[in-house]
Amino acid sequence: MIKTYARRKLGVRPAHRKMMMRQLAVSLIHHEKITTTGARAKELKVYAERMISRLTRLKDPLRQARQAARWLAPNGLDVSKKLRETIVPRYRGKTGGYLRITALPPRRSDRACLSRVELV
C-alpha cells in the first residue's frame, strides 16, 4: 500500500526546509505577521503552533528558555526572549489557534498565491 507524505516538500531538501521553517518562525515572532506563499504559510502554521503550545505547557522558565533556543537556534536570543516573555503568556489559557492565515492576491511576477500569517 502506498502511503502519502504528511507534509509539503516545498521544492527543497529536508535540511533546507527545516532552516526555512526556523527562519519563517523567527520572522513571525519578531514582526508578529509576515507575508509568504500559501504552501509555506500552511507548513509554518503547523510548526509555530506546535512550538507555542508546547511552550505554554512548560512551567519551568529554564526549560522554556532551552526549548525555545532549540527551536529557534542559531538565531538571536532576543526573539527567544520575546517568545517566552510576551507571546507565550498571551496564549497561556488558550488550547490552540494561535495563528491566522489570510489569502492575499497573487504576486505579480510569477502569480504565486500569497498569504499573510499573523499571531491572533
PDB file of N, CA and C in Angstrom:
ATOM      1  N   MET A   1       0.838  -1.172   0.000  1.00  0.00           N
ATOM      2  CA  MET A   1       0.000   0.000   0.000  1.00  0.00           C
ATOM      3  C   MET A   1       0.892   1.248   0.000  1.00  0.00           C
ATOM      4  N   ILE A   2       0.586   2.196  -0.830  1.00  0.00           N
ATOM      5  CA  ILE A   2       1.367   3.419  -0.919  1.00  0.00           C
ATOM      6  C   ILE A   2       0.847   4.417   0.119  1.00  0.00           C
ATOM      7  N   LYS A   3       1.763   4.902   0.946  1.00  0.00           N
ATOM      8  CA  LYS A   3       1.411   5.908   1.955  1.00  0.00           C
ATOM      9  C   LYS A   3       1.848   7.279   1.451  1.00  0.00           C
ATOM     10  N   THR A   4       1.061   8.293   1.716  1.00  0.00           N
ATOM     11  CA  THR A   4       1.424   9.633   1.282  1.00  0.00           C
ATOM     12  C   THR A   4       2.250  10.321   2.348  1.00  0.00           C
ATOM     13  N   TYR A   5       3.077  11.250   1.920  1.00  0.00           N
ATOM     14  CA  TYR A   5       3.904  12.026   2.818  1.00  0.00           C
ATOM     15  C   TYR A   5       3.031  13.082   3.494  1.00  0.00           C
ATOM     16  N   ALA A   6       3.154  13.216   4.783  1.00  0.00           N
ATOM     17  CA  ALA A   6       2.236  14.047   5.546  1.00  0.00           C
ATOM     18  C   ALA A   6       2.473  15.547   5.378  1.00  0.00           C
ATOM     19  N   ARG A   7       3.664  15.946   5.017  1.00  0.00           N
ATOM     20  CA  ARG A   7       3.979  17.368   4.921  1.00  0.00           C
ATOM     21  C   ARG A   7       4.332  17.768   3.501  1.00  0.00           C
ATOM     22  N   ARG A   8       4.377  19.067   3.290  1.00  0.00           N
ATOM     23  CA  ARG A   8       4.746  19.597   1.988  1.00  0.00           C
ATOM     24  C   ARG A   8       6.266  19.613   1.851  1.00  0.00           C
ATOM     25  N   LYS A   9       6.742  19.332   0.651  1.00  0.00           N
ATOM     26  CA  LYS A   9       8.192  19.304   0.434  1.00  0.00           C
ATOM     27  C   LYS A   9       8.742  20.677   0.073  1.00  0.00           C
ATOM     28  N   LEU A  10       7.907  21.549  -0.474  1.00  0.00           N
ATOM     29  CA  LEU A  10       8.251  22.929  -0.805  1.00  0.00           C
ATOM     30  C   LEU A  10       9.398  23.067  -1.802  1.00  0.00           C
ATOM     31  N   GLY A  11       9.717  21.999  -2.507  1.00  0.00           N
ATOM     32  CA  GLY A  11      10.730  22.067  -3.548  1.00  0.00           C
ATOM     33  C   GLY A  11      12.156  22.213  -3.066  1.00  0.00           C
ATOM     34  N   VAL A  12      12.430  21.864  -1.817  1.00  0.00           N
ATOM     35  CA  VAL A  12      13.786  21.991  -1.278  1.00  0.00           C
ATOM     36  C   VAL A  12      14.146  20.719  -0.513  1.00  0.00           C
ATOM     37  N   ARG A  13      15.427  20.564  -0.213  1.00  0.00           N
ATOM     38  CA  ARG A  13      15.918  19.416   0.540  1.00  0.00           C
ATOM     39  C   ARG A  13      15.463  19.508   2.001  1.00  0.00           C
ATOM     40  N   PRO A  14      15.456  18.408   2.733  1.00  0.00           N
ATOM     41  CA  PRO A  14      14.966  18.417   4.120  1.00  0.00           C
ATOM     42  C   PRO A  14      15.702  19.388   5.050  1.00  0.00           C
ATOM     43  N   ALA A  15      17.015  19.485   4.936  1.00  0.00           N
ATOM     44  CA  ALA A  15      17.764  20.401   5.797  1.00  0.00           C
ATOM     45  C   ALA A  15      17.398  21.857   5.485  1.00  0.00           C
ATOM     46  N   HIS A  16      17.240  22.151   4.190  1.00  0.00           N
ATOM     47  CA  HIS A  16      16.849  23.499   3.776  1.00  0.00           C
ATOM     48  C   HIS A  16      15.439  23.817   4.270  1.00  0.00           C
ATOM     49  N   ARG A  17      14.550  22.836   4.184  1.00  0.00           N
ATOM     50  CA  ARG A  17      13.170  23.021   4.635  1.00  0.00           C
ATOM     51  C   ARG A  17      13.125  23.301   6.147  1.00  0.00           C
ATOM     52  N   LYS A  18      13.938  22.589   6.911  1.00  0.00           N
ATOM     53  CA  LYS A  18      13.983  22.794   8.355  1.00  0.00           C
ATOM     54  C   LYS A  18      14.461  24.210   8.694  1.00  0.00           C
ATOM     55  N   MET A  19      15.524  24.657   8.037  1.00  0.00           N
ATOM     56  CA  MET A  19      16.034  26.001   8.290  1.00  0.00           C
ATOM     57  C   MET A  19      15.059  27.065   7.797  1.00  0.00           C
ATOM     58  N   MET A  20      14.361  26.796   6.700  1.00  0.00           N
ATOM     59  CA  MET A  20      13.376  27.749   6.203  1.00  0.00           C
ATOM     60  C   MET A  20      12.243  27.930   7.210  1.00  0.00           C
ATOM     61  N   MET A  21      11.778  26.832   7.805  1.00  0.00           N
ATOM     62  CA  MET A  21      10.712  26.924   8.819  1.00  0.00           C
ATOM     63  C   MET A  21      11.192  27.681  10.043  1.00  0.00           C
ATOM     64  N   ARG A  22      12.445  27.442  10.437  1.00  0.00           N
ATOM     65  CA  ARG A  22      13.002  28.189  11.571  1.00  0.00           C
ATOM     66  C   ARG A  22      13.043  29.680  11.278  1.00  0.00           C
ATOM     67  N   GLN A  23      13.524  30.032  10.089  1.00  0.00           N
ATOM     68  CA  GLN A  23      13.634  31.448   9.739  1.00  0.00           C
ATOM     69  C   GLN A  23      12.261  32.107   9.637  1.00  0.00           C
ATOM     70  N   LEU A  24      11.288  31.401   9.072  1.00  0.00           N
ATOM     71  CA  LEU A  24       9.937  31.943   8.988  1.00  0.00           C
ATOM     72  C   LEU A  24       9.343  32.118  10.384  1.00  0.00           C
ATOM     73  N   ALA A  25       9.602  31.157  11.279  1.00  0.00           N
ATOM     74  CA  ALA A  25       9.099  31.267  12.647  1.00  0.00           C
ATOM     75  C   ALA A  25       9.742  32.437  13.373  1.00  0.00           C
ATOM     76  N   VAL A  26      11.040  32.650  13.174  1.00  0.00           N
ATOM     77  CA  VAL A  26      11.736  33.786  13.795  1.00  0.00           C
ATOM     78  C   VAL A  26      11.149  35.098  13.288  1.00  0.00           C
ATOM     79  N   SER A  27      10.933  35.188  11.985  1.00  0.00           N
ATOM     80  CA  SER A  27      10.352  36.411  11.412  1.00  0.00           C
ATOM     81  C   SER A  27       8.941  36.642  11.943  1.00  0.00           C
ATOM     82  N   LEU A  28       8.179  35.571  12.065  1.00  0.00           N
ATOM     83  CA  LEU A  28       6.815  35.685  12.581  1.00  0.00           C
ATOM     84  C   LEU A  28       6.818  36.174  14.021  1.00  0.00           C
ATOM     85  N   ILE A  29       7.687  35.637  14.848  1.00  0.00           N
ATOM     86  CA  ILE A  29       7.752  36.050  16.248  1.00  0.00           C
ATOM     87  C   ILE A  29       8.240  37.482  16.360  1.00  0.00           C
ATOM     88  N   HIS A  30       9.219  37.840  15.542  1.00  0.00           N
ATOM     89  CA  HIS A  30       9.790  39.192  15.608  1.00  0.00           C
ATOM     90  C   HIS A  30       8.801  40.258  15.144  1.00  0.00           C
ATOM     91  N   HIS A  31       8.136  40.030  14.001  1.00  0.00           N
ATOM     92  CA  HIS A  31       7.244  41.035  13.428  1.00  0.00           C
ATOM     93  C   HIS A  31       5.773  40.811  13.773  1.00  0.00           C
ATOM     94  N   GLU A  32       5.424  39.631  14.233  1.00  0.00           N
ATOM     95  CA  GLU A  32       4.073  39.197  14.582  1.00  0.00           C
ATOM     96  C   GLU A  32       3.138  39.054  13.382  1.00  0.00           C
ATOM     97  N   LYS A  33       3.603  39.341  12.178  1.00  0.00           N
ATOM     98  CA  LYS A  33       2.883  38.991  10.954  1.00  0.00           C
ATOM     99  C   LYS A  33       3.854  39.042   9.790  1.00  0.00           C
ATOM    100  N   ILE A  34       3.709  38.085   8.881  1.00  0.00           N
ATOM    101  CA  ILE A  34       4.574  38.024   7.709  1.00  0.00           C
ATOM    102  C   ILE A  34       3.742  37.648   6.495  1.00  0.00           C
ATOM    103  N   THR A  35       4.282  37.914   5.318  1.00  0.00           N
ATOM    104  CA  THR A  35       3.647  37.545   4.067  1.00  0.00           C
ATOM    105  C   THR A  35       4.540  36.529   3.366  1.00  0.00           C
ATOM    106  N   THR A  36       3.966  35.394   2.982  1.00  0.00           N
ATOM    107  CA  THR A  36       4.711  34.338   2.306  1.00  0.00           C
ATOM    108  C   THR A  36       3.761  33.595   1.372  1.00  0.00           C
ATOM    109  N   THR A  37       4.261  32.578   0.697  1.00  0.00           N
ATOM    110  CA  THR A  37       3.405  31.812  -0.205  1.00  0.00           C
ATOM    111  C   THR A  37       2.440  30.939   0.599  1.00  0.00           C
ATOM    112  N   GLY A  38       1.400  30.476  -0.050  1.00  0.00           N
ATOM    113  CA  GLY A  38       0.361  29.719   0.638  1.00  0.00           C
ATOM    114  C   GLY A  38       0.851  28.416   1.232  1.00  0.00           C
ATOM    115  N   ALA A  39       1.661  27.652   0.490  1.00  0.00           N
ATOM    116  CA  ALA A  39       2.154  26.369   0.991  1.00  0.00           C
ATOM    117  C   ALA A  39       3.083  26.568   2.179  1.00  0.00           C
ATOM    118  N   ARG A  40       3.955  27.556   2.093  1.00  0.00           N
ATOM    119  CA  ARG A  40       4.856  27.839   3.218  1.00  0.00           C
ATOM    120  C   ARG A  40       4.067  28.297   4.438  1.00  0.00           C
ATOM    121  N   ALA A  41       3.021  29.058   4.219  1.00  0.00           N
ATOM    122  CA  ALA A  41       2.204  29.536   5.342  1.00  0.00           C
ATOM    123  C   ALA A  41       1.538  28.374   6.062  1.00  0.00           C
ATOM    124  N   LYS A  42       1.031  27.395   5.306  1.00  0.00           N
ATOM    125  CA  LYS A  42       0.377  26.247   5.926  1.00  0.00           C
ATOM    126  C   LYS A  42       1.371  25.398   6.710  1.00  0.00           C
ATOM    127  N   GLU A  43       2.579  25.238   6.188  1.00  0.00           N
ATOM    128  CA  GLU A  43       3.600  24.491   6.916  1.00  0.00           C
ATOM    129  C   GLU A  43       4.060  25.257   8.153  1.00  0.00           C
ATOM    130  N   LEU A  44       4.192  26.576   8.023  1.00  0.00           N
ATOM    131  CA  LEU A  44       4.607  27.401   9.155  1.00  0.00           C
ATOM    132  C   LEU A  44       3.583  27.342  10.273  1.00  0.00           C
ATOM    133  N   LYS A  45       2.324  27.285   9.929  1.00  0.00           N
ATOM    134  CA  LYS A  45       1.273  27.212  10.945  1.00  0.00           C
ATOM    135  C   LYS A  45       1.439  25.957  11.796  1.00  0.00           C
ATOM    136  N   VAL A  46       1.719  24.827  11.165  1.00  0.00           N
ATOM    137  CA  VAL A  46       1.933  23.579  11.894  1.00  0.00           C
ATOM    138  C   VAL A  46       3.138  23.718  12.824  1.00  0.00           C
ATOM    139  N   TYR A  47       4.244  24.238  12.292  1.00  0.00           N
ATOM    140  CA  TYR A  47       5.492  24.361  13.052  1.00  0.00           C
ATOM    141  C   TYR A  47       5.338  25.326  14.224  1.00  0.00           C
ATOM    142  N   ALA A  48       4.808  26.514  13.969  1.00  0.00           N
ATOM    143  CA  ALA A  48       4.727  27.547  15.003  1.00  0.00           C
ATOM    144  C   ALA A  48       3.687  27.216  16.064  1.00  0.00           C
ATOM    145  N   GLU A  49       2.548  26.670  15.669  1.00  0.00           N
ATOM    146  CA  GLU A  49       1.533  26.338  16.676  1.00  0.00           C
ATOM    147  C   GLU A  49       2.003  25.218  17.585  1.00  0.00           C
ATOM    148  N   ARG A  50       2.714  24.256  17.047  1.00  0.00           N
ATOM    149  CA  ARG A  50       3.264  23.195  17.882  1.00  0.00           C
ATOM    150  C   ARG A  50       4.271  23.780  18.876  1.00  0.00           C
ATOM    151  N   MET A  51       5.110  24.692  18.394  1.00  0.00           N
ATOM    152  CA  MET A  51       6.113  25.310  19.251  1.00  0.00           C
ATOM    153  C   MET A  51       5.457  26.103  20.382  1.00  0.00           C
ATOM    154  N   ILE A  52       4.478  26.932  20.063  1.00  0.00           N
ATOM    155  CA  ILE A  52       3.823  27.766  21.074  1.00  0.00           C
ATOM    156  C   ILE A  52       3.050  26.912  22.068  1.00  0.00           C
ATOM    157  N   SER A  53       2.336  25.898  21.581  1.00  0.00           N
ATOM    158  CA  SER A  53       1.538  25.087  22.501  1.00  0.00           C
ATOM    159  C   SER A  53       2.421  24.287  23.446  1.00  0.00           C
ATOM    160  N   ARG A  54       3.552  23.800  22.987  1.00  0.00           N
ATOM    161  CA  ARG A  54       4.455  23.078  23.880  1.00  0.00           C
ATOM    162  C   ARG A  54       5.078  24.009  24.907  1.00  0.00           C
ATOM    163  N   LEU A  55       5.390  25.233  24.507  1.00  0.00           N
ATOM    164  CA  LEU A  55       5.965  26.171  25.464  1.00  0.00           C
ATOM    165  C   LEU A  55       4.942  26.641  26.495  1.00  0.00           C
ATOM    166  N   THR A  56       3.675  26.715  26.122  1.00  0.00           N
ATOM    167  CA  THR A  56       2.666  27.144  27.093  1.00  0.00           C
ATOM    168  C   THR A  56       2.445  26.086  28.164  1.00  0.00           C
ATOM    169  N   ARG A  57       2.708  24.816  27.836  1.00  0.00           N
ATOM    170  CA  ARG A  57       2.531  23.754  28.821  1.00  0.00           C
ATOM    171  C   ARG A  57       3.665  23.677  29.827  1.00  0.00           C
ATOM    172  N   LEU A  58       4.851  24.191  29.468  1.00  0.00           N
ATOM    173  CA  LEU A  58       6.000  24.112  30.376  1.00  0.00           C
ATOM    174  C   LEU A  58       5.878  25.156  31.477  1.00  0.00           C
ATOM    175  N   LYS A  59       6.133  24.753  32.708  1.00  0.00           N
ATOM    176  CA  LYS A  59       6.064  25.679  33.843  1.00  0.00           C
ATOM    177  C   LYS A  59       7.439  26.217  34.224  1.00  0.00           C
ATOM    178  N   ASP A  60       8.481  25.416  34.010  1.00  0.00           N
ATOM    179  CA  ASP A  60       9.837  25.810  34.401  1.00  0.00           C
ATOM    180  C   ASP A  60      10.410  26.812  33.396  1.00  0.00           C
ATOM    181  N   PRO A  61      10.788  28.027  33.837  1.00  0.00           N
ATOM    182  CA  PRO A  61      11.292  29.031  32.891  1.00  0.00           C
ATOM    183  C   PRO A  61      12.616  28.641  32.230  1.00  0.00           C
ATOM    184  N   LEU A  62      13.473  27.912  32.959  1.00  0.00           N
ATOM    185  CA  LEU A  62      14.740  27.500  32.376  1.00  0.00           C
ATOM    186  C   LEU A  62      14.515  26.492  31.251  1.00  0.00           C
ATOM    187  N   ARG A  63      13.627  25.561  31.482  1.00  0.00           N
ATOM    188  CA  ARG A  63      13.316  24.572  30.443  1.00  0.00           C
ATOM    189  C   ARG A  63      12.641  25.250  29.249  1.00  0.00           C
ATOM    190  N   GLN A  64      11.798  26.235  29.528  1.00  0.00           N
ATOM    191  CA  GLN A  64      11.153  27.002  28.457  1.00  0.00           C
ATOM    192  C   GLN A  64      12.208  27.693  27.597  1.00  0.00           C
ATOM    193  N   ALA A  65      13.197  28.307  28.248  1.00  0.00           N
ATOM    194  CA  ALA A  65      14.251  29.021  27.527  1.00  0.00           C
ATOM    195  C   ALA A  65      15.061  28.062  26.658  1.00  0.00           C
ATOM    196  N   ARG A  66      15.354  26.886  27.193  1.00  0.00           N
ATOM    197  CA  ARG A  66      16.146  25.925  26.431  1.00  0.00           C
ATOM    198  C   ARG A  66      15.375  25.384  25.232  1.00  0.00           C
ATOM    199  N   GLN A  67      14.095  25.104  25.421  1.00  0.00           N
ATOM    200  CA  GLN A  67      13.276  24.611  24.315  1.00  0.00           C
ATOM    201  C   GLN A  67      13.157  25.666  23.216  1.00  0.00           C
ATOM    202  N   ALA A  68      12.907  26.917  23.613  1.00  0.00           N
ATOM    203  CA  ALA A  68      12.773  27.994  22.622  1.00  0.00           C
ATOM    204  C   ALA A  68      14.077  28.188  21.863  1.00  0.00           C
ATOM    205  N   ALA A  69      15.207  28.122  22.569  1.00  0.00           N
ATOM    206  CA  ALA A  69      16.501  28.274  21.901  1.00  0.00           C
ATOM    207  C   ALA A  69      16.763  27.109  20.953  1.00  0.00           C
ATOM    208  N   ARG A  70      16.293  25.923  21.314  1.00  0.00           N
ATOM    209  CA  ARG A  70      16.486  24.757  20.461  1.00  0.00           C
ATOM    210  C   ARG A  70      15.693  24.878  19.159  1.00  0.00           C
ATOM    211  N   TRP A  71      14.463  25.373  19.251  1.00  0.00           N
ATOM    212  CA  TRP A  71      13.636  25.516  18.048  1.00  0.00           C
ATOM    213  C   TRP A  71      14.083  26.663  17.169  1.00  0.00           C
ATOM    214  N   LEU A  72      14.590  27.731  17.784  1.00  0.00           N
ATOM    215  CA  LEU A  72      14.900  28.936  17.021  1.00  0.00           C
ATOM    216  C   LEU A  72      16.389  29.132  16.782  1.00  0.00           C
ATOM    217  N   ALA A  73      17.232  28.208  17.256  1.00  0.00           N
ATOM    218  CA  ALA A  73      18.676  28.329  17.063  1.00  0.00           C
ATOM    219  C   ALA A  73      18.987  28.240  15.580  1.00  0.00           C
ATOM    220  N   PRO A  74      20.027  28.802  15.089  1.00  0.00           N
ATOM    221  CA  PRO A  74      21.069  29.587  15.723  1.00  0.00           C
ATOM    222  C   PRO A  74      20.786  31.087  15.696  1.00  0.00           C
ATOM    223  N   ASN A  75      19.546  31.463  15.807  1.00  0.00           N
ATOM    224  CA  ASN A  75      19.179  32.876  15.737  1.00  0.00           C
ATOM    225  C   ASN A  75      19.355  33.537  17.091  1.00  0.00           C
ATOM    226  N   GLY A  76      19.182  34.850  17.117  1.00  0.00           N
ATOM    227  CA  GLY A  76      19.448  35.630  18.316  1.00  0.00           C
ATOM    228  C   GLY A  76      18.553  35.298  19.493  1.00  0.00           C
ATOM    229  N   LEU A  77      19.041  35.635  20.658  1.00  0.00           N
ATOM    230  CA  LEU A  77      18.297  35.378  21.879  1.00  0.00           C
ATOM    231  C   LEU A  77      17.133  36.347  22.059  1.00  0.00           C
ATOM    232  N   ASP A  78      17.155  37.487  21.377  1.00  0.00           N
ATOM    233  CA  ASP A  78      16.081  38.463  21.544  1.00  0.00           C
ATOM    234  C   ASP A  78      14.735  37.906  21.082  1.00  0.00           C
ATOM    235  N   VAL A  79      14.735  37.097  20.033  1.00  0.00           N
ATOM    236  CA  VAL A  79      13.490  36.502  19.546  1.00  0.00           C
ATOM    237  C   VAL A  79      12.993  35.446  20.530  1.00  0.00           C
ATOM    238  N   SER A  80      13.916  34.662  21.053  1.00  0.00           N
ATOM    239  CA  SER A  80      13.551  33.647  22.042  1.00  0.00           C
ATOM    240  C   SER A  80      13.000  34.308  23.299  1.00  0.00           C
ATOM    241  N   LYS A  81      13.614  35.412  23.693  1.00  0.00           N
ATOM    242  CA  LYS A  81      13.155  36.149  24.878  1.00  0.00           C
ATOM    243  C   LYS A  81      11.772  36.734  24.643  1.00  0.00           C
ATOM    244  N   LYS A  82      11.541  37.300  23.454  1.00  0.00           N
ATOM    245  CA  LYS A  82      10.221  37.851  23.141  1.00  0.00           C
ATOM    246  C   LYS A  82       9.166  36.751  23.131  1.00  0.00           C
ATOM    247  N   LEU A  83       9.523  35.593  22.590  1.00  0.00           N
ATOM    248  CA  LEU A  83       8.593  34.464  22.570  1.00  0.00           C
ATOM    249  C   LEU A  83       8.199  34.060  23.984  1.00  0.00           C
ATOM    250  N   ARG A  84       9.187  33.945  24.873  1.00  0.00           N
ATOM    251  CA  ARG A  84       8.912  33.489  26.230  1.00  0.00           C
ATOM    252  C   ARG A  84       8.219  34.543  27.088  1.00  0.00           C
ATOM    253  N   GLU A  85       8.564  35.811  26.900  1.00  0.00           N
ATOM    254  CA  GLU A  85       8.064  36.845  27.806  1.00  0.00           C
ATOM    255  C   GLU A  85       6.766  37.511  27.349  1.00  0.00           C
ATOM    256  N   THR A  86       6.505  37.557  26.051  1.00  0.00           N
ATOM    257  CA  THR A  86       5.293  38.250  25.600  1.00  0.00           C
ATOM    258  C   THR A  86       4.282  37.334  24.914  1.00  0.00           C
ATOM    259  N   ILE A  87       4.763  36.442  24.055  1.00  0.00           N
ATOM    260  CA  ILE A  87       3.832  35.650  23.248  1.00  0.00           C
ATOM    261  C   ILE A  87       3.261  34.464  24.016  1.00  0.00           C
ATOM    262  N   VAL A  88       4.112  33.700  24.708  1.00  0.00           N
ATOM    263  CA  VAL A  88       3.622  32.524  25.438  1.00  0.00           C
ATOM    264  C   VAL A  88       2.648  32.917  26.550  1.00  0.00           C
ATOM    265  N   PRO A  89       2.927  33.942  27.372  1.00  0.00           N
ATOM    266  CA  PRO A  89       1.925  34.310  28.387  1.00  0.00           C
ATOM    267  C   PRO A  89       0.595  34.778  27.800  1.00  0.00           C
ATOM    268  N   ARG A  90       0.624  35.344  26.593  1.00  0.00           N
ATOM    269  CA  ARG A  90      -0.590  35.796  25.937  1.00  0.00           C
ATOM    270  C   ARG A  90      -1.527  34.625  25.626  1.00  0.00           C
ATOM    271  N   TYR A  91      -0.949  33.465  25.317  1.00  0.00           N
ATOM    272  CA  TYR A  91      -1.744  32.302  24.931  1.00  0.00           C
ATOM    273  C   TYR A  91      -1.798  31.233  26.008  1.00  0.00           C
ATOM    274  N   ARG A  92      -1.480  31.580  27.243  1.00  0.00           N
ATOM    275  CA  ARG A  92      -1.400  30.594  28.322  1.00  0.00           C
ATOM    276  C   ARG A  92      -2.708  29.831  28.508  1.00  0.00           C
ATOM    277  N   GLY A  93      -3.858  30.473  28.479  1.00  0.00           N
ATOM    278  CA  GLY A  93      -5.121  29.796  28.710  1.00  0.00           C
ATOM    279  C   GLY A  93      -5.768  29.215  27.464  1.00  0.00           C
ATOM    280  N   LYS A  94      -5.191  29.468  26.296  1.00  0.00           N
ATOM    281  CA  LYS A  94      -5.770  29.029  25.035  1.00  0.00           C
ATOM    282  C   LYS A  94      -5.228  27.659  24.647  1.00  0.00           C
ATOM    283  N   THR A  95      -6.060  26.816  24.030  1.00  0.00           N
ATOM    284  CA  THR A  95      -5.623  25.465  23.690  1.00  0.00           C
ATOM    285  C   THR A  95      -5.134  25.324  22.257  1.00  0.00           C
ATOM    286  N   GLY A  96      -5.274  26.319  21.433  1.00  0.00           N
ATOM    287  CA  GLY A  96      -4.818  26.243  20.048  1.00  0.00           C
ATOM    288  C   GLY A  96      -5.330  27.416  19.259  1.00  0.00           C
ATOM    289  N   GLY A  97      -5.012  27.446  17.977  1.00  0.00           N
ATOM    290  CA  GLY A  97      -5.480  28.520  17.114  1.00  0.00           C
ATOM    291  C   GLY A  97      -4.765  29.827  17.357  1.00  0.00           C
ATOM    292  N   TYR A  98      -3.435  29.765  17.429  1.00  0.00           N
ATOM    293  CA  TYR A  98      -2.643  30.963  17.724  1.00  0.00           C
ATOM    294  C   TYR A  98      -2.359  31.782  16.479  1.00  0.00           C
ATOM    295  N   LEU A  99      -2.476  31.189  15.301  1.00  0.00           N
ATOM    296  CA  LEU A  99      -2.136  31.869  14.056  1.00  0.00           C
ATOM    297  C   LEU A  99      -3.351  31.989  13.149  1.00  0.00           C
ATOM    298  N   ARG A 100      -3.344  33.027  12.347  1.00  0.00           N
ATOM    299  CA  ARG A 100      -4.392  33.233  11.347  1.00  0.00           C
ATOM    300  C   ARG A 100      -3.723  33.352   9.990  1.00  0.00           C
ATOM    301  N   ILE A 101      -4.229  32.627   9.001  1.00  0.00           N
ATOM    302  CA  ILE A 101      -3.723  32.710   7.634  1.00  0.00           C
ATOM    303  C   ILE A 101      -4.786  33.391   6.785  1.00  0.00           C
ATOM    304  N   THR A 102      -4.406  34.472   6.139  1.00  0.00           N
ATOM    305  CA  THR A 102      -5.314  35.229   5.290  1.00  0.00           C
ATOM    306  C   THR A 102      -4.789  35.198   3.856  1.00  0.00           C
ATOM    307  N   ALA A 103      -5.623  34.858   2.903  1.00  0.00           N
ATOM    308  CA  ALA A 103      -5.222  34.814   1.497  1.00  0.00           C
ATOM    309  C   ALA A 103      -5.097  36.231   0.950  1.00  0.00           C
ATOM    310  N   LEU A 104      -4.077  36.455   0.150  1.00  0.00           N
ATOM    311  CA  LEU A 104      -3.820  37.739  -0.496  1.00  0.00           C
ATOM    312  C   LEU A 104      -3.865  37.546  -2.014  1.00  0.00           C
ATOM    313  N   PRO A 105      -3.933  38.636  -2.779  1.00  0.00           N
ATOM    314  CA  PRO A 105      -3.883  38.499  -4.239  1.00  0.00           C
ATOM    315  C   PRO A 105      -2.550  37.903  -4.688  1.00  0.00           C
ATOM    316  N   PRO A 106      -2.530  37.244  -5.836  1.00  0.00           N
ATOM    317  CA  PRO A 106      -1.286  36.621  -6.314  1.00  0.00           C
ATOM    318  C   PRO A 106      -0.190  37.653  -6.571  1.00  0.00           C
ATOM    319  N   ARG A 107       1.050  37.179  -6.463  1.00  0.00           N
ATOM    320  CA  ARG A 107       2.208  38.025  -6.744  1.00  0.00           C
ATOM    321  C   ARG A 107       2.248  38.337  -8.231  1.00  0.00           C
ATOM    322  N   ARG A 108       2.598  39.551  -8.585  1.00  0.00           N
ATOM    323  CA  ARG A 108       2.544  39.972  -9.986  1.00  0.00           C
ATOM    324  C   ARG A 108       3.576  39.272 -10.853  1.00  0.00           C
ATOM    325  N   SER A 109       4.762  39.023 -10.298  1.00  0.00           N
ATOM    326  CA  SER A 109       5.841  38.497 -11.133  1.00  0.00           C
ATOM    327  C   SER A 109       5.606  37.058 -11.578  1.00  0.00           C
ATOM    328  N   ASP A 110       5.231  36.170 -10.651  1.00  0.00           N
ATOM    329  CA  ASP A 110       5.082  34.762 -11.023  1.00  0.00           C
ATOM    330  C   ASP A 110       3.714  34.182 -10.689  1.00  0.00           C
ATOM    331  N   ARG A 111       2.774  34.999 -10.296  1.00  0.00           N
ATOM    332  CA  ARG A 111       1.394  34.604  -9.986  1.00  0.00           C
ATOM    333  C   ARG A 111       1.309  33.563  -8.860  1.00  0.00           C
ATOM    334  N   ALA A 112       2.287  33.584  -7.972  1.00  0.00           N
ATOM    335  CA  ALA A 112       2.241  32.672  -6.826  1.00  0.00           C
ATOM    336  C   ALA A 112       1.199  33.166  -5.836  1.00  0.00           C
ATOM    337  N   CYS A 113       0.420  32.229  -5.257  1.00  0.00           N
ATOM    338  CA  CYS A 113      -0.600  32.644  -4.295  1.00  0.00           C
ATOM    339  C   CYS A 113       0.096  33.028  -2.991  1.00  0.00           C
ATOM    340  N   LEU A 114      -0.238  34.196  -2.495  1.00  0.00           N
ATOM    341  CA  LEU A 114       0.381  34.719  -1.279  1.00  0.00           C
ATOM    342  C   LEU A 114      -0.591  34.629  -0.115  1.00  0.00           C
ATOM    343  N   SER A 115      -0.031  34.563   1.081  1.00  0.00           N
ATOM    344  CA  SER A 115      -0.825  34.525   2.295  1.00  0.00           C
ATOM    345  C   SER A 115      -0.139  35.344   3.372  1.00  0.00           C
ATOM    346  N   ARG A 116      -0.945  35.925   4.232  1.00  0.00           N
ATOM    347  CA  ARG A 116      -0.406  36.634   5.394  1.00  0.00           C
ATOM    348  C   ARG A 116      -0.639  35.752   6.616  1.00  0.00           C
ATOM    349  N   VAL A 117       0.416  35.537   7.373  1.00  0.00           N
ATOM    350  CA  VAL A 117       0.349  34.755   8.603  1.00  0.00           C
ATOM    351  C   VAL A 117       0.558  35.726   9.740  1.00  0.00           C
ATOM    352  N   GLU A 118      -0.377  35.713  10.721  1.00  0.00           N
ATOM    353  CA  GLU A 118      -0.250  36.633  11.852  1.00  0.00           C
ATOM    354  C   GLU A 118      -0.672  35.948  13.133  1.00  0.00           C
ATOM    355  N   LEU A 119      -0.084  36.410  14.205  1.00  0.00           N
ATOM    356  CA  LEU A 119      -0.462  35.921  15.523  1.00  0.00           C
ATOM    357  C   LEU A 119      -1.805  36.539  15.908  1.00  0.00           C
ATOM    358  N   VAL A 120      -2.713  35.722  16.407  1.00  0.00           N
ATOM    359  CA  VAL A 120      -4.051  36.200  16.766  1.00  0.00           C
ATOM    360  C   VAL A 120      -3.988  36.918  18.098  1.00  0.00           C
TER     361      VAL A 120
END
